[in-house]
């Protein structure tokens, strides 16, 4: 066999009519992820919604692996699947959420939410397609999303946004702590605390009037 056909095949342009096995797997996993996401937001069982969210986030991690972004894939698994979903499940258990179907898990704004979701999806697809219209990822070549490559790009070109985001998260954490302490202080201020504050200020505490028939 002469090397000419092989060179012509290697130089052939990419196209949607000749997908590779990785691209077919990417499409199938994407459909499964989309289905799991739709079930997550439409089911009326909170525990089932959390479990389907695990499937959706796991599907995204597989998509990242297929795109040779292994670092982002493992971050997806460790942070979202391993932490956020577990936190949601603990929240459901601690708040004694209903296990079965719950009518409170639905809203009358379903059509408005659907319209907003469709509009956001169309805008996101349009932006991504317009930005990467002629960009192709070589899925058969070396991994382009390894820890070394991602870390070098992050701390070389995105240091300032990375640090700004960390400061923003720290400010949100401090604000949440302040608000929670204020709420606890307001809840703990009962009648006795108000009477002690009135005595300390020199204001006499009003005495309740006697009831009818009291001697």
N, C-alpha and C. Protein backbone atom coordinates (compact mmCIF):
# COMPACT_ATOMS: atom_id res chain seq x y z
N UNK A 1 0.87 -1.20 0.00
CA UNK A 1 0.00 0.00 0.00
C UNK A 1 0.90 1.24 0.00
N UNK A 2 0.64 2.15 -0.90
CA UNK A 2 1.47 3.34 -0.99
C UNK A 2 1.08 4.32 0.10
N UNK A 3 2.02 5.19 0.55
CA UNK A 3 1.71 6.14 1.62
C UNK A 3 0.86 7.31 1.16
N UNK A 4 0.62 7.43 -0.15
CA UNK A 4 -0.17 8.58 -0.63
C UNK A 4 -1.59 8.60 -0.09
N UNK A 5 -2.34 7.46 -0.10
CA UNK A 5 -3.70 7.51 0.46
C UNK A 5 -3.71 7.86 1.93
N UNK A 6 -2.72 7.33 2.67
CA UNK A 6 -2.68 7.64 4.10
C UNK A 6 -2.46 9.13 4.33
N UNK A 7 -1.59 9.74 3.53
CA UNK A 7 -1.36 11.17 3.68
C UNK A 7 -2.60 11.96 3.32
N UNK A 8 -3.31 11.52 2.30
CA UNK A 8 -4.52 12.24 1.91
C UNK A 8 -5.60 12.13 2.97
N UNK A 9 -5.69 10.94 3.63
CA UNK A 9 -6.66 10.79 4.70
C UNK A 9 -6.29 11.64 5.90
N UNK A 10 -4.99 11.70 6.20
CA UNK A 10 -4.57 12.50 7.35
C UNK A 10 -4.79 13.98 7.10
N UNK A 11 -4.66 14.39 5.85
CA UNK A 11 -4.82 15.81 5.53
C UNK A 11 -6.26 16.19 5.23
N UNK A 12 -7.17 15.20 5.28
CA UNK A 12 -8.57 15.49 4.97
C UNK A 12 -9.14 16.43 6.02
N UNK A 13 -9.96 17.38 5.60
CA UNK A 13 -10.53 18.32 6.57
C UNK A 13 -11.54 17.64 7.47
N UNK A 14 -11.68 18.20 8.67
CA UNK A 14 -12.67 17.68 9.61
C UNK A 14 -14.07 18.03 9.11
N UNK A 15 -15.02 17.19 9.49
CA UNK A 15 -16.39 17.44 9.07
C UNK A 15 -17.35 16.71 9.96
N UNK A 16 -18.61 17.18 9.98
CA UNK A 16 -19.63 16.56 10.80
C UNK A 16 -20.13 15.25 10.19
N UNK A 17 -19.88 15.04 8.89
CA UNK A 17 -20.36 13.82 8.24
C UNK A 17 -19.40 12.65 8.41
N UNK A 18 -18.24 12.88 8.96
CA UNK A 18 -17.28 11.80 9.18
C UNK A 18 -16.78 11.84 10.62
N UNK A 19 -17.67 11.59 11.62
CA UNK A 19 -17.25 11.67 13.01
C UNK A 19 -16.38 10.49 13.41
N UNK A 20 -15.51 10.74 14.36
CA UNK A 20 -14.67 9.68 14.91
C UNK A 20 -15.38 9.01 16.07
N UNK A 21 -14.77 7.95 16.59
CA UNK A 21 -15.37 7.26 17.72
C UNK A 21 -15.46 8.12 18.96
N UNK A 22 -14.44 8.96 19.18
CA UNK A 22 -14.47 9.86 20.34
C UNK A 22 -15.59 10.89 20.19
N UNK A 23 -15.79 11.39 18.99
CA UNK A 23 -16.87 12.37 18.79
C UNK A 23 -18.24 11.73 18.97
N UNK A 24 -18.40 10.48 18.55
CA UNK A 24 -19.68 9.79 18.77
C UNK A 24 -19.91 9.57 20.25
N UNK A 25 -18.86 9.16 20.98
CA UNK A 25 -18.98 8.99 22.43
C UNK A 25 -19.31 10.31 23.11
N UNK A 26 -18.70 11.39 22.64
CA UNK A 26 -18.98 12.72 23.19
C UNK A 26 -20.46 13.08 23.01
N UNK A 27 -21.00 12.78 21.83
CA UNK A 27 -22.40 13.08 21.57
C UNK A 27 -23.33 12.24 22.44
N UNK A 28 -23.04 10.96 22.60
CA UNK A 28 -23.89 10.09 23.41
C UNK A 28 -23.86 10.49 24.88
N UNK A 29 -22.66 10.75 25.39
CA UNK A 29 -22.56 11.19 26.78
C UNK A 29 -23.26 12.53 26.98
N UNK A 30 -23.18 13.42 25.99
CA UNK A 30 -23.87 14.69 26.08
C UNK A 30 -25.38 14.53 26.14
N UNK A 31 -25.92 13.57 25.37
CA UNK A 31 -27.37 13.32 25.43
C UNK A 31 -27.78 12.78 26.79
N UNK A 32 -26.98 11.86 27.35
CA UNK A 32 -27.28 11.32 28.68
C UNK A 32 -27.21 12.44 29.73
N UNK A 33 -26.20 13.30 29.63
CA UNK A 33 -26.07 14.41 30.57
C UNK A 33 -27.24 15.37 30.46
N UNK A 34 -27.67 15.67 29.24
CA UNK A 34 -28.82 16.56 29.04
C UNK A 34 -30.09 15.95 29.62
N UNK A 35 -30.30 14.65 29.39
CA UNK A 35 -31.47 13.99 29.97
C UNK A 35 -31.46 14.01 31.48
N UNK A 36 -30.29 13.75 32.09
CA UNK A 36 -30.20 13.78 33.56
C UNK A 36 -30.46 15.18 34.10
N UNK A 37 -29.98 16.21 33.39
CA UNK A 37 -30.21 17.58 33.83
C UNK A 37 -31.70 17.94 33.74
N UNK A 38 -32.37 17.49 32.68
CA UNK A 38 -33.81 17.77 32.55
C UNK A 38 -34.60 17.07 33.66
N UNK A 39 -34.24 15.83 33.98
CA UNK A 39 -34.93 15.13 35.07
C UNK A 39 -34.66 15.81 36.40
N UNK A 40 -33.45 16.35 36.58
CA UNK A 40 -33.11 17.02 37.84
C UNK A 40 -34.03 18.20 38.11
N UNK A 41 -34.35 18.97 37.09
CA UNK A 41 -35.14 20.19 37.29
C UNK A 41 -36.63 19.95 37.13
N UNK A 42 -37.05 18.76 36.72
CA UNK A 42 -38.48 18.48 36.53
C UNK A 42 -39.06 17.51 37.54
N UNK A 43 -38.24 16.69 38.20
CA UNK A 43 -38.78 15.74 39.15
C UNK A 43 -39.26 16.45 40.41
N UNK A 44 -40.25 15.85 41.07
CA UNK A 44 -40.80 16.41 42.31
C UNK A 44 -40.28 15.69 43.54
N UNK A 45 -39.32 14.82 43.37
CA UNK A 45 -38.70 14.12 44.50
C UNK A 45 -37.30 14.70 44.70
N UNK A 46 -37.09 15.33 45.85
CA UNK A 46 -35.86 16.07 46.08
C UNK A 46 -34.64 15.15 46.09
N UNK A 47 -34.77 13.97 46.70
CA UNK A 47 -33.63 13.06 46.75
C UNK A 47 -33.29 12.56 45.35
N UNK A 48 -34.30 12.24 44.56
CA UNK A 48 -34.05 11.82 43.18
C UNK A 48 -33.40 12.94 42.37
N UNK A 49 -33.81 14.19 42.63
CA UNK A 49 -33.19 15.32 41.94
C UNK A 49 -31.70 15.42 42.26
N UNK A 50 -31.35 15.21 43.54
CA UNK A 50 -29.93 15.26 43.92
C UNK A 50 -29.15 14.12 43.26
N UNK A 51 -29.74 12.94 43.18
CA UNK A 51 -29.04 11.80 42.58
C UNK A 51 -28.89 11.98 41.06
N UNK A 52 -29.92 12.51 40.41
CA UNK A 52 -29.78 12.78 38.98
C UNK A 52 -28.79 13.91 38.71
N UNK A 53 -28.64 14.80 39.68
CA UNK A 53 -27.62 15.84 39.55
C UNK A 53 -26.22 15.22 39.56
N UNK A 54 -26.05 14.14 40.33
CA UNK A 54 -24.77 13.42 40.31
C UNK A 54 -24.49 12.88 38.91
N UNK A 55 -25.52 12.32 38.27
CA UNK A 55 -25.35 11.80 36.91
C UNK A 55 -24.98 12.91 35.94
N UNK A 56 -25.66 14.05 36.06
CA UNK A 56 -25.38 15.17 35.15
C UNK A 56 -23.96 15.70 35.33
N UNK A 57 -23.55 15.88 36.57
CA UNK A 57 -22.19 16.39 36.82
C UNK A 57 -21.14 15.36 36.43
N UNK A 58 -21.42 14.07 36.66
CA UNK A 58 -20.50 13.03 36.22
C UNK A 58 -20.38 12.98 34.70
N UNK A 59 -21.49 13.20 34.01
CA UNK A 59 -21.43 13.25 32.55
C UNK A 59 -20.57 14.40 32.05
N UNK A 60 -20.64 15.54 32.74
CA UNK A 60 -19.78 16.65 32.36
C UNK A 60 -18.30 16.30 32.56
N UNK A 61 -18.01 15.58 33.63
CA UNK A 61 -16.62 15.16 33.85
C UNK A 61 -16.14 14.24 32.73
N UNK A 62 -17.00 13.33 32.27
CA UNK A 62 -16.63 12.45 31.16
C UNK A 62 -16.41 13.27 29.88
N UNK A 63 -17.24 14.28 29.68
CA UNK A 63 -17.05 15.14 28.51
C UNK A 63 -15.71 15.84 28.56
N UNK A 64 -15.32 16.32 29.73
CA UNK A 64 -14.00 16.95 29.86
C UNK A 64 -12.88 15.96 29.57
N UNK A 65 -13.04 14.73 30.01
CA UNK A 65 -12.02 13.73 29.72
C UNK A 65 -11.92 13.47 28.21
N UNK A 66 -13.06 13.41 27.55
CA UNK A 66 -13.04 13.19 26.10
C UNK A 66 -12.42 14.36 25.36
N UNK A 67 -12.46 15.55 25.95
CA UNK A 67 -11.84 16.72 25.34
C UNK A 67 -10.39 16.89 25.79
N UNK A 68 -9.81 15.86 26.40
CA UNK A 68 -8.42 15.83 26.88
C UNK A 68 -8.16 16.89 27.95
N UNK A 69 -9.19 17.31 28.68
CA UNK A 69 -9.03 18.25 29.79
C UNK A 69 -9.14 17.46 31.09
N UNK A 70 -8.12 16.68 31.39
CA UNK A 70 -8.19 15.78 32.54
C UNK A 70 -8.19 16.52 33.86
N UNK A 71 -7.49 17.64 33.94
CA UNK A 71 -7.45 18.39 35.20
C UNK A 71 -8.84 18.93 35.54
N UNK A 72 -9.53 19.53 34.56
CA UNK A 72 -10.88 20.05 34.80
C UNK A 72 -11.84 18.90 35.12
N UNK A 73 -11.63 17.75 34.51
CA UNK A 73 -12.50 16.59 34.77
C UNK A 73 -12.39 16.14 36.22
N UNK A 74 -11.18 16.04 36.73
CA UNK A 74 -11.02 15.59 38.12
C UNK A 74 -11.45 16.67 39.10
N UNK A 75 -11.29 17.93 38.75
CA UNK A 75 -11.83 18.99 39.60
C UNK A 75 -13.35 18.91 39.65
N UNK A 76 -13.96 18.61 38.52
CA UNK A 76 -15.41 18.42 38.47
C UNK A 76 -15.85 17.30 39.39
N UNK A 77 -15.12 16.19 39.37
CA UNK A 77 -15.49 15.04 40.20
C UNK A 77 -15.28 15.34 41.68
N UNK A 78 -14.12 15.91 42.02
CA UNK A 78 -13.78 16.11 43.43
C UNK A 78 -14.62 17.21 44.07
N UNK A 79 -14.85 18.31 43.36
CA UNK A 79 -15.53 19.45 43.97
C UNK A 79 -17.04 19.32 43.84
N UNK A 80 -17.53 19.11 42.62
CA UNK A 80 -18.98 19.11 42.42
C UNK A 80 -19.62 17.79 42.83
N UNK A 81 -19.15 16.69 42.26
CA UNK A 81 -19.75 15.40 42.59
C UNK A 81 -19.41 14.99 44.02
N UNK A 82 -18.17 15.24 44.45
CA UNK A 82 -17.74 14.77 45.76
C UNK A 82 -18.05 15.70 46.90
N UNK A 83 -18.33 16.97 46.64
CA UNK A 83 -18.54 17.91 47.74
C UNK A 83 -19.90 18.58 47.67
N UNK A 84 -20.22 19.18 46.53
CA UNK A 84 -21.47 19.95 46.44
C UNK A 84 -22.69 19.04 46.57
N UNK A 85 -22.68 17.92 45.88
CA UNK A 85 -23.83 17.01 45.94
C UNK A 85 -23.96 16.40 47.33
N UNK A 86 -22.83 16.05 47.96
CA UNK A 86 -22.87 15.52 49.32
C UNK A 86 -23.42 16.58 50.28
N UNK A 87 -23.04 17.84 50.08
CA UNK A 87 -23.58 18.92 50.90
C UNK A 87 -25.09 19.06 50.71
N UNK A 88 -25.55 18.94 49.46
CA UNK A 88 -27.00 18.99 49.22
C UNK A 88 -27.73 17.84 49.90
N UNK A 89 -27.17 16.64 49.83
CA UNK A 89 -27.80 15.50 50.48
C UNK A 89 -27.84 15.66 51.99
N UNK A 90 -26.77 16.16 52.59
CA UNK A 90 -26.77 16.42 54.03
C UNK A 90 -27.80 17.49 54.38
N UNK A 91 -27.93 18.51 53.52
CA UNK A 91 -28.94 19.52 53.77
C UNK A 91 -30.35 18.95 53.72
N UNK A 92 -30.60 18.05 52.79
CA UNK A 92 -31.92 17.41 52.71
C UNK A 92 -32.20 16.57 53.94
N UNK A 93 -31.17 15.87 54.42
CA UNK A 93 -31.38 15.02 55.60
C UNK A 93 -31.55 15.86 56.87
N UNK A 94 -30.77 16.92 57.02
CA UNK A 94 -30.84 17.72 58.23
C UNK A 94 -32.12 18.55 58.30
N UNK A 95 -32.67 18.93 57.16
CA UNK A 95 -33.91 19.70 57.16
C UNK A 95 -35.14 18.81 57.10
N UNK A 96 -34.95 17.50 57.14
CA UNK A 96 -36.06 16.55 57.11
C UNK A 96 -36.96 16.78 55.90
N UNK A 97 -36.34 16.89 54.78
CA UNK A 97 -37.10 17.09 53.54
C UNK A 97 -37.90 15.83 53.22
N UNK A 98 -39.05 15.98 52.58
CA UNK A 98 -39.85 14.80 52.23
C UNK A 98 -39.12 13.88 51.26
N UNK A 99 -39.22 12.57 51.51
CA UNK A 99 -38.52 11.60 50.68
C UNK A 99 -39.28 11.34 49.38
N UNK A 100 -40.62 11.28 49.46
CA UNK A 100 -41.42 10.98 48.28
C UNK A 100 -41.71 12.22 47.46
N UNK A 101 -42.79 12.13 46.68
CA UNK A 101 -43.18 13.25 45.84
C UNK A 101 -43.67 14.39 46.71
N UNK A 102 -43.23 15.58 46.40
CA UNK A 102 -43.58 16.75 47.19
C UNK A 102 -44.21 17.79 46.27
N UNK A 103 -45.44 18.24 46.57
CA UNK A 103 -46.04 19.29 45.73
C UNK A 103 -45.32 20.62 45.85
N UNK A 104 -44.56 20.81 46.95
CA UNK A 104 -43.84 22.07 47.11
C UNK A 104 -42.62 22.17 46.20
N UNK A 105 -42.23 21.04 45.56
CA UNK A 105 -41.05 21.05 44.69
C UNK A 105 -41.37 21.54 43.30
N UNK A 106 -42.56 22.06 43.09
CA UNK A 106 -42.95 22.59 41.79
C UNK A 106 -43.38 24.04 41.96
N UNK A 107 -43.44 24.74 40.87
CA UNK A 107 -43.80 26.14 40.91
C UNK A 107 -44.69 26.47 39.73
N UNK A 108 -45.48 27.51 39.90
CA UNK A 108 -46.34 27.94 38.82
C UNK A 108 -45.60 28.68 37.72
N UNK A 109 -44.32 28.95 37.94
CA UNK A 109 -43.52 29.67 36.95
C UNK A 109 -42.75 28.73 36.04
N UNK A 110 -43.29 27.54 35.81
CA UNK A 110 -42.57 26.55 35.00
C UNK A 110 -42.34 27.06 33.58
N UNK A 111 -43.36 27.68 32.98
CA UNK A 111 -43.21 28.12 31.59
C UNK A 111 -42.24 29.29 31.49
N UNK A 112 -42.27 30.19 32.46
CA UNK A 112 -41.31 31.31 32.45
C UNK A 112 -39.89 30.80 32.63
N UNK A 113 -39.72 29.83 33.53
CA UNK A 113 -38.39 29.26 33.73
C UNK A 113 -37.91 28.52 32.49
N UNK A 114 -38.82 27.82 31.81
CA UNK A 114 -38.45 27.12 30.58
C UNK A 114 -38.02 28.10 29.49
N UNK A 115 -38.75 29.22 29.38
CA UNK A 115 -38.38 30.22 28.37
C UNK A 115 -37.01 30.82 28.66
N UNK A 116 -36.74 31.11 29.93
CA UNK A 116 -35.43 31.67 30.29
C UNK A 116 -34.33 30.65 30.03
N UNK A 117 -34.58 29.38 30.35
CA UNK A 117 -33.57 28.34 30.12
C UNK A 117 -33.27 28.16 28.64
N UNK A 118 -34.32 28.14 27.82
CA UNK A 118 -34.10 27.99 26.38
C UNK A 118 -33.35 29.19 25.81
N UNK A 119 -33.72 30.39 26.25
CA UNK A 119 -33.02 31.58 25.76
C UNK A 119 -31.55 31.57 26.17
N UNK A 120 -31.27 31.17 27.42
CA UNK A 120 -29.89 31.12 27.88
C UNK A 120 -29.10 30.06 27.11
N UNK A 121 -29.73 28.90 26.84
CA UNK A 121 -29.04 27.84 26.09
C UNK A 121 -28.74 28.29 24.66
N UNK A 122 -29.69 28.95 24.01
CA UNK A 122 -29.46 29.43 22.65
C UNK A 122 -28.34 30.47 22.62
N UNK A 123 -28.35 31.39 23.59
CA UNK A 123 -27.30 32.41 23.63
C UNK A 123 -25.93 31.78 23.88
N UNK A 124 -25.87 30.80 24.78
CA UNK A 124 -24.59 30.15 25.07
C UNK A 124 -24.06 29.38 23.86
N UNK A 125 -24.94 28.64 23.19
CA UNK A 125 -24.52 27.89 22.00
C UNK A 125 -24.07 28.84 20.90
N UNK A 126 -24.78 29.94 20.73
CA UNK A 126 -24.40 30.90 19.69
C UNK A 126 -23.03 31.51 19.99
N UNK A 127 -22.77 31.86 21.26
CA UNK A 127 -21.48 32.46 21.62
C UNK A 127 -20.34 31.47 21.41
N UNK A 128 -20.55 30.21 21.83
CA UNK A 128 -19.50 29.21 21.70
C UNK A 128 -19.22 28.89 20.24
N UNK A 129 -20.27 28.73 19.44
CA UNK A 129 -20.07 28.42 18.03
C UNK A 129 -19.42 29.58 17.31
N UNK A 130 -19.80 30.79 17.64
CA UNK A 130 -19.21 31.95 16.98
C UNK A 130 -17.74 32.14 17.38
N UNK A 131 -17.39 31.78 18.62
CA UNK A 131 -16.01 31.96 19.07
C UNK A 131 -15.08 30.86 18.58
N UNK A 132 -15.59 29.63 18.47
CA UNK A 132 -14.75 28.49 18.10
C UNK A 132 -15.22 27.84 16.80
N UNK A 133 -15.64 28.67 15.86
CA UNK A 133 -16.20 28.14 14.62
C UNK A 133 -15.16 27.33 13.83
N UNK A 134 -13.96 27.80 13.75
CA UNK A 134 -12.91 27.13 12.96
C UNK A 134 -11.84 26.48 13.83
N UNK A 135 -12.11 26.29 15.11
CA UNK A 135 -11.13 25.69 16.01
C UNK A 135 -11.48 24.23 16.22
N UNK A 136 -10.49 23.36 16.02
CA UNK A 136 -10.69 21.93 16.19
C UNK A 136 -9.70 21.41 17.22
N UNK A 137 -10.17 20.53 18.09
CA UNK A 137 -9.32 19.93 19.12
C UNK A 137 -8.82 18.59 18.60
N UNK A 138 -7.53 18.39 18.64
CA UNK A 138 -6.94 17.13 18.21
C UNK A 138 -7.09 16.12 19.34
N UNK A 139 -8.15 15.32 19.29
CA UNK A 139 -8.43 14.36 20.35
C UNK A 139 -7.50 13.17 20.32
N UNK A 140 -6.82 12.95 19.21
CA UNK A 140 -5.89 11.82 19.12
C UNK A 140 -4.46 12.21 19.48
N UNK A 141 -4.20 13.49 19.67
CA UNK A 141 -2.85 13.94 20.00
C UNK A 141 -2.62 13.98 21.49
N UNK A 142 -1.55 14.64 21.94
CA UNK A 142 -1.26 14.74 23.37
C UNK A 142 -2.32 15.56 24.09
N UNK A 143 -2.52 15.23 25.35
CA UNK A 143 -3.55 15.91 26.13
C UNK A 143 -3.20 17.38 26.29
N UNK A 144 -4.16 18.23 25.98
CA UNK A 144 -3.94 19.68 26.07
C UNK A 144 -4.45 20.27 27.37
N UNK A 145 -5.12 19.47 28.20
CA UNK A 145 -5.67 19.99 29.45
C UNK A 145 -5.09 19.33 30.68
N UNK A 146 -3.81 18.98 30.64
CA UNK A 146 -3.17 18.37 31.80
C UNK A 146 -2.98 19.40 32.90
N UNK A 147 -2.57 18.92 34.07
CA UNK A 147 -2.35 19.81 35.21
C UNK A 147 -1.24 20.81 34.92
N UNK A 148 -0.20 20.35 34.25
CA UNK A 148 0.92 21.25 33.93
C UNK A 148 0.49 22.36 32.98
N UNK A 149 -0.20 22.00 31.93
CA UNK A 149 -0.63 23.01 30.93
C UNK A 149 -1.64 23.97 31.54
N UNK A 150 -2.61 23.44 32.29
CA UNK A 150 -3.63 24.30 32.89
C UNK A 150 -3.03 25.23 33.93
N UNK A 151 -2.14 24.70 34.78
CA UNK A 151 -1.51 25.55 35.79
C UNK A 151 -0.65 26.64 35.18
N UNK A 152 0.10 26.30 34.12
CA UNK A 152 0.93 27.31 33.46
C UNK A 152 0.07 28.41 32.84
N UNK A 153 -1.04 28.04 32.21
CA UNK A 153 -1.92 29.05 31.61
C UNK A 153 -2.62 29.88 32.68
N UNK A 154 -3.02 29.23 33.77
CA UNK A 154 -3.76 29.93 34.83
C UNK A 154 -2.89 30.97 35.51
N UNK A 155 -1.68 30.58 35.90
CA UNK A 155 -0.82 31.49 36.67
C UNK A 155 0.07 32.36 35.78
N UNK A 156 -0.07 32.24 34.49
CA UNK A 156 0.68 33.12 33.59
C UNK A 156 -0.21 34.20 33.00
N UNK A 157 -1.45 33.85 32.65
CA UNK A 157 -2.33 34.81 31.98
C UNK A 157 -3.54 35.20 32.83
N UNK A 158 -3.90 34.42 33.83
CA UNK A 158 -5.13 34.65 34.58
C UNK A 158 -4.88 34.82 36.07
N UNK A 159 -3.72 35.36 36.44
CA UNK A 159 -3.40 35.50 37.86
C UNK A 159 -4.31 36.53 38.53
N UNK A 160 -4.48 37.70 37.91
CA UNK A 160 -5.29 38.76 38.51
C UNK A 160 -6.76 38.36 38.66
N UNK A 161 -7.43 37.82 37.62
CA UNK A 161 -8.82 37.36 37.84
C UNK A 161 -8.91 36.25 38.89
N UNK A 162 -7.91 35.37 38.94
CA UNK A 162 -7.92 34.29 39.93
C UNK A 162 -7.86 34.85 41.35
N UNK A 163 -6.99 35.82 41.59
CA UNK A 163 -6.88 36.42 42.91
C UNK A 163 -8.12 37.26 43.23
N UNK A 164 -8.66 37.96 42.24
CA UNK A 164 -9.88 38.74 42.48
C UNK A 164 -11.05 37.83 42.86
N UNK A 165 -11.14 36.68 42.22
CA UNK A 165 -12.20 35.73 42.57
C UNK A 165 -12.01 35.21 43.98
N UNK A 166 -10.78 34.94 44.40
CA UNK A 166 -10.54 34.46 45.75
C UNK A 166 -10.92 35.51 46.79
N UNK A 167 -10.63 36.80 46.51
CA UNK A 167 -11.03 37.87 47.42
C UNK A 167 -12.55 37.99 47.48
N UNK A 168 -13.21 37.84 46.35
CA UNK A 168 -14.67 37.89 46.31
C UNK A 168 -15.29 36.77 47.14
N UNK A 169 -14.76 35.56 47.01
CA UNK A 169 -15.27 34.44 47.80
C UNK A 169 -15.01 34.65 49.29
N UNK A 170 -13.85 35.21 49.63
CA UNK A 170 -13.55 35.49 51.04
C UNK A 170 -14.52 36.53 51.59
N UNK A 171 -14.82 37.57 50.82
CA UNK A 171 -15.78 38.58 51.27
C UNK A 171 -17.17 37.98 51.46
N UNK A 172 -17.57 37.08 50.55
CA UNK A 172 -18.87 36.42 50.70
C UNK A 172 -18.90 35.55 51.95
N UNK A 173 -17.80 34.87 52.25
CA UNK A 173 -17.74 34.03 53.44
C UNK A 173 -17.84 34.87 54.71
N UNK A 174 -17.10 35.99 54.76
CA UNK A 174 -17.16 36.86 55.93
C UNK A 174 -18.56 37.45 56.09
N UNK A 175 -19.19 37.86 54.99
CA UNK A 175 -20.55 38.39 55.06
C UNK A 175 -21.55 37.37 55.57
N UNK A 176 -21.40 36.10 55.13
CA UNK A 176 -22.30 35.06 55.60
C UNK A 176 -22.14 34.83 57.10
N UNK A 177 -20.90 34.88 57.60
CA UNK A 177 -20.66 34.70 59.04
C UNK A 177 -21.28 35.85 59.83
N UNK A 178 -21.11 37.09 59.35
CA UNK A 178 -21.68 38.24 60.06
C UNK A 178 -23.20 38.17 60.09
N UNK A 179 -23.83 37.83 58.97
CA UNK A 179 -25.28 37.75 58.93
C UNK A 179 -25.81 36.63 59.82
N UNK A 180 -25.13 35.48 59.85
CA UNK A 180 -25.58 34.38 60.70
C UNK A 180 -25.47 34.74 62.18
N UNK A 181 -24.40 35.42 62.59
CA UNK A 181 -24.25 35.81 63.99
C UNK A 181 -25.29 36.85 64.37
N UNK A 182 -25.61 37.76 63.46
CA UNK A 182 -26.64 38.76 63.75
C UNK A 182 -28.00 38.11 63.90
N UNK A 183 -28.29 37.12 63.05
CA UNK A 183 -29.58 36.43 63.15
C UNK A 183 -29.69 35.68 64.47
N UNK A 184 -28.60 35.03 64.91
CA UNK A 184 -28.63 34.32 66.18
C UNK A 184 -28.80 35.28 67.35
N UNK A 185 -28.16 36.46 67.28
CA UNK A 185 -28.30 37.44 68.35
C UNK A 185 -29.74 37.96 68.43
N UNK A 186 -30.36 38.21 67.29
CA UNK A 186 -31.76 38.67 67.30
C UNK A 186 -32.70 37.60 67.81
N UNK A 187 -32.42 36.33 67.48
CA UNK A 187 -33.29 35.25 67.94
C UNK A 187 -33.13 35.02 69.43
N UNK A 188 -31.94 35.25 69.99
CA UNK A 188 -31.71 35.02 71.42
C UNK A 188 -32.15 36.17 72.30
N UNK A 189 -32.54 37.30 71.75
CA UNK A 189 -32.99 38.45 72.54
C UNK A 189 -34.46 38.28 72.90
N UNK A 190 -34.73 37.63 74.04
CA UNK A 190 -36.10 37.41 74.48
C UNK A 190 -36.59 38.53 75.37
N UNK A 191 -37.72 38.34 76.07
CA UNK A 191 -38.25 39.37 76.97
C UNK A 191 -37.29 39.70 78.09
N UNK A 192 -36.59 38.68 78.65
CA UNK A 192 -35.65 38.95 79.73
C UNK A 192 -34.51 39.84 79.29
N UNK A 193 -34.01 39.60 78.06
CA UNK A 193 -32.91 40.44 77.56
C UNK A 193 -33.37 41.87 77.35
N UNK A 194 -34.60 42.04 76.89
CA UNK A 194 -35.11 43.40 76.70
C UNK A 194 -35.32 44.11 78.03
N UNK A 195 -35.77 43.39 79.09
CA UNK A 195 -35.95 43.99 80.41
C UNK A 195 -34.62 44.43 81.00
N UNK A 196 -33.57 43.58 80.83
CA UNK A 196 -32.25 43.93 81.35
C UNK A 196 -31.69 45.15 80.62
N UNK A 197 -31.95 45.23 79.30
CA UNK A 197 -31.49 46.40 78.56
C UNK A 197 -32.21 47.66 79.01
N UNK A 198 -33.52 47.55 79.33
CA UNK A 198 -34.28 48.72 79.79
C UNK A 198 -33.80 49.18 81.15
N UNK A 199 -33.48 48.23 82.06
CA UNK A 199 -32.97 48.60 83.38
C UNK A 199 -31.62 49.27 83.26
N UNK A 200 -30.78 48.76 82.38
CA UNK A 200 -29.45 49.36 82.21
C UNK A 200 -29.55 50.77 81.67
N UNK A 201 -30.58 51.06 80.86
CA UNK A 201 -30.74 52.40 80.31
C UNK A 201 -31.51 53.32 81.26
N UNK A 202 -32.05 52.79 82.38
CA UNK A 202 -32.81 53.60 83.32
C UNK A 202 -34.26 53.77 82.96
N UNK A 203 -34.76 53.02 82.00
CA UNK A 203 -36.16 53.11 81.58
C UNK A 203 -36.97 52.10 82.36
N UNK A 204 -38.02 52.52 83.06
CA UNK A 204 -38.81 51.55 83.84
C UNK A 204 -39.52 50.57 82.94
N UNK A 205 -39.56 49.35 83.40
CA UNK A 205 -40.23 48.30 82.65
C UNK A 205 -41.72 48.36 82.90
N UNK A 206 -42.56 48.43 81.90
CA UNK A 206 -44.01 48.50 82.13
C UNK A 206 -44.53 47.24 82.79
N UNK A 207 -45.39 47.46 83.81
CA UNK A 207 -45.99 46.35 84.54
C UNK A 207 -47.32 46.02 83.90
N UNK A 208 -47.56 44.75 83.59
CA UNK A 208 -48.84 44.40 82.95
C UNK A 208 -49.99 44.65 83.89
N UNK A 209 -51.10 45.10 83.32
CA UNK A 209 -52.31 45.41 84.13
C UNK A 209 -52.89 44.12 84.64
N UNK A 210 -53.44 44.13 85.88
CA UNK A 210 -54.05 42.90 86.43
C UNK A 210 -55.30 42.52 85.66
N UNK A 211 -55.52 41.25 85.61
CA UNK A 211 -56.70 40.74 84.93
C UNK A 211 -57.95 40.97 85.78
N UNK A 212 -59.10 40.89 85.16
CA UNK A 212 -60.36 41.09 85.86
C UNK A 212 -60.55 39.99 86.89
N UNK A 213 -60.94 40.39 88.15
CA UNK A 213 -61.18 39.40 89.20
C UNK A 213 -59.94 39.09 90.01
N UNK A 214 -58.77 39.67 89.65
CA UNK A 214 -57.57 39.40 90.43
C UNK A 214 -57.55 40.25 91.68
N UNK A 215 -57.15 39.74 92.81
CA UNK A 215 -57.09 40.44 94.08
C UNK A 215 -55.68 40.93 94.35
